């Protein structure tokens, strides 16, 4: 009788472990699928925008090159800024923090912020060089509409959160 109980207990443990790993793997697959869908929807939006702007093949290629170059530069700036902000937070947390070091880190963050702002401006100017004035006007309108939709969704989300929190 004791052997059967042990076998049943072991079987239950194995089933629980298998269930856990199955749930974990399906969760990972779902996350990967979500990332692919997000990337695909971003690419679809870009293609729709390119179609709306009636871009030539050369313009499409130029925009793609410009976007990759700009994205790489902005990513590097963001990483540097994140590291400096983390260093600033860590220094501020110390009981015997160095005020001169805090000021120096803050100054470096401001410089990186200015570089980021300048890079964004250069990115827009680069797009403007690739597009015709009419295309750029349509592009600007498209971006404004998209920004408005995002703001609207955020506002709706905040309202749902507030109503859920209040209940």
Foldseek 3Di string as FASTA:
>chain_A
DVVVVVVVVVVVVVVVVVVVVVVVVVVVVVVVVVVVVVVVVVVVVVVVLCVVLVDDPVLVVQLVVLVVVLVVVLVVLVVVLVVLVVVLVVLVPDPPHDVVSNVVSVVVNVVSVVVNVVSVVVSLVSNPVSGDPVSNVSVVVVVVVVVVVVVVVVVVVVVVVVVVVVD
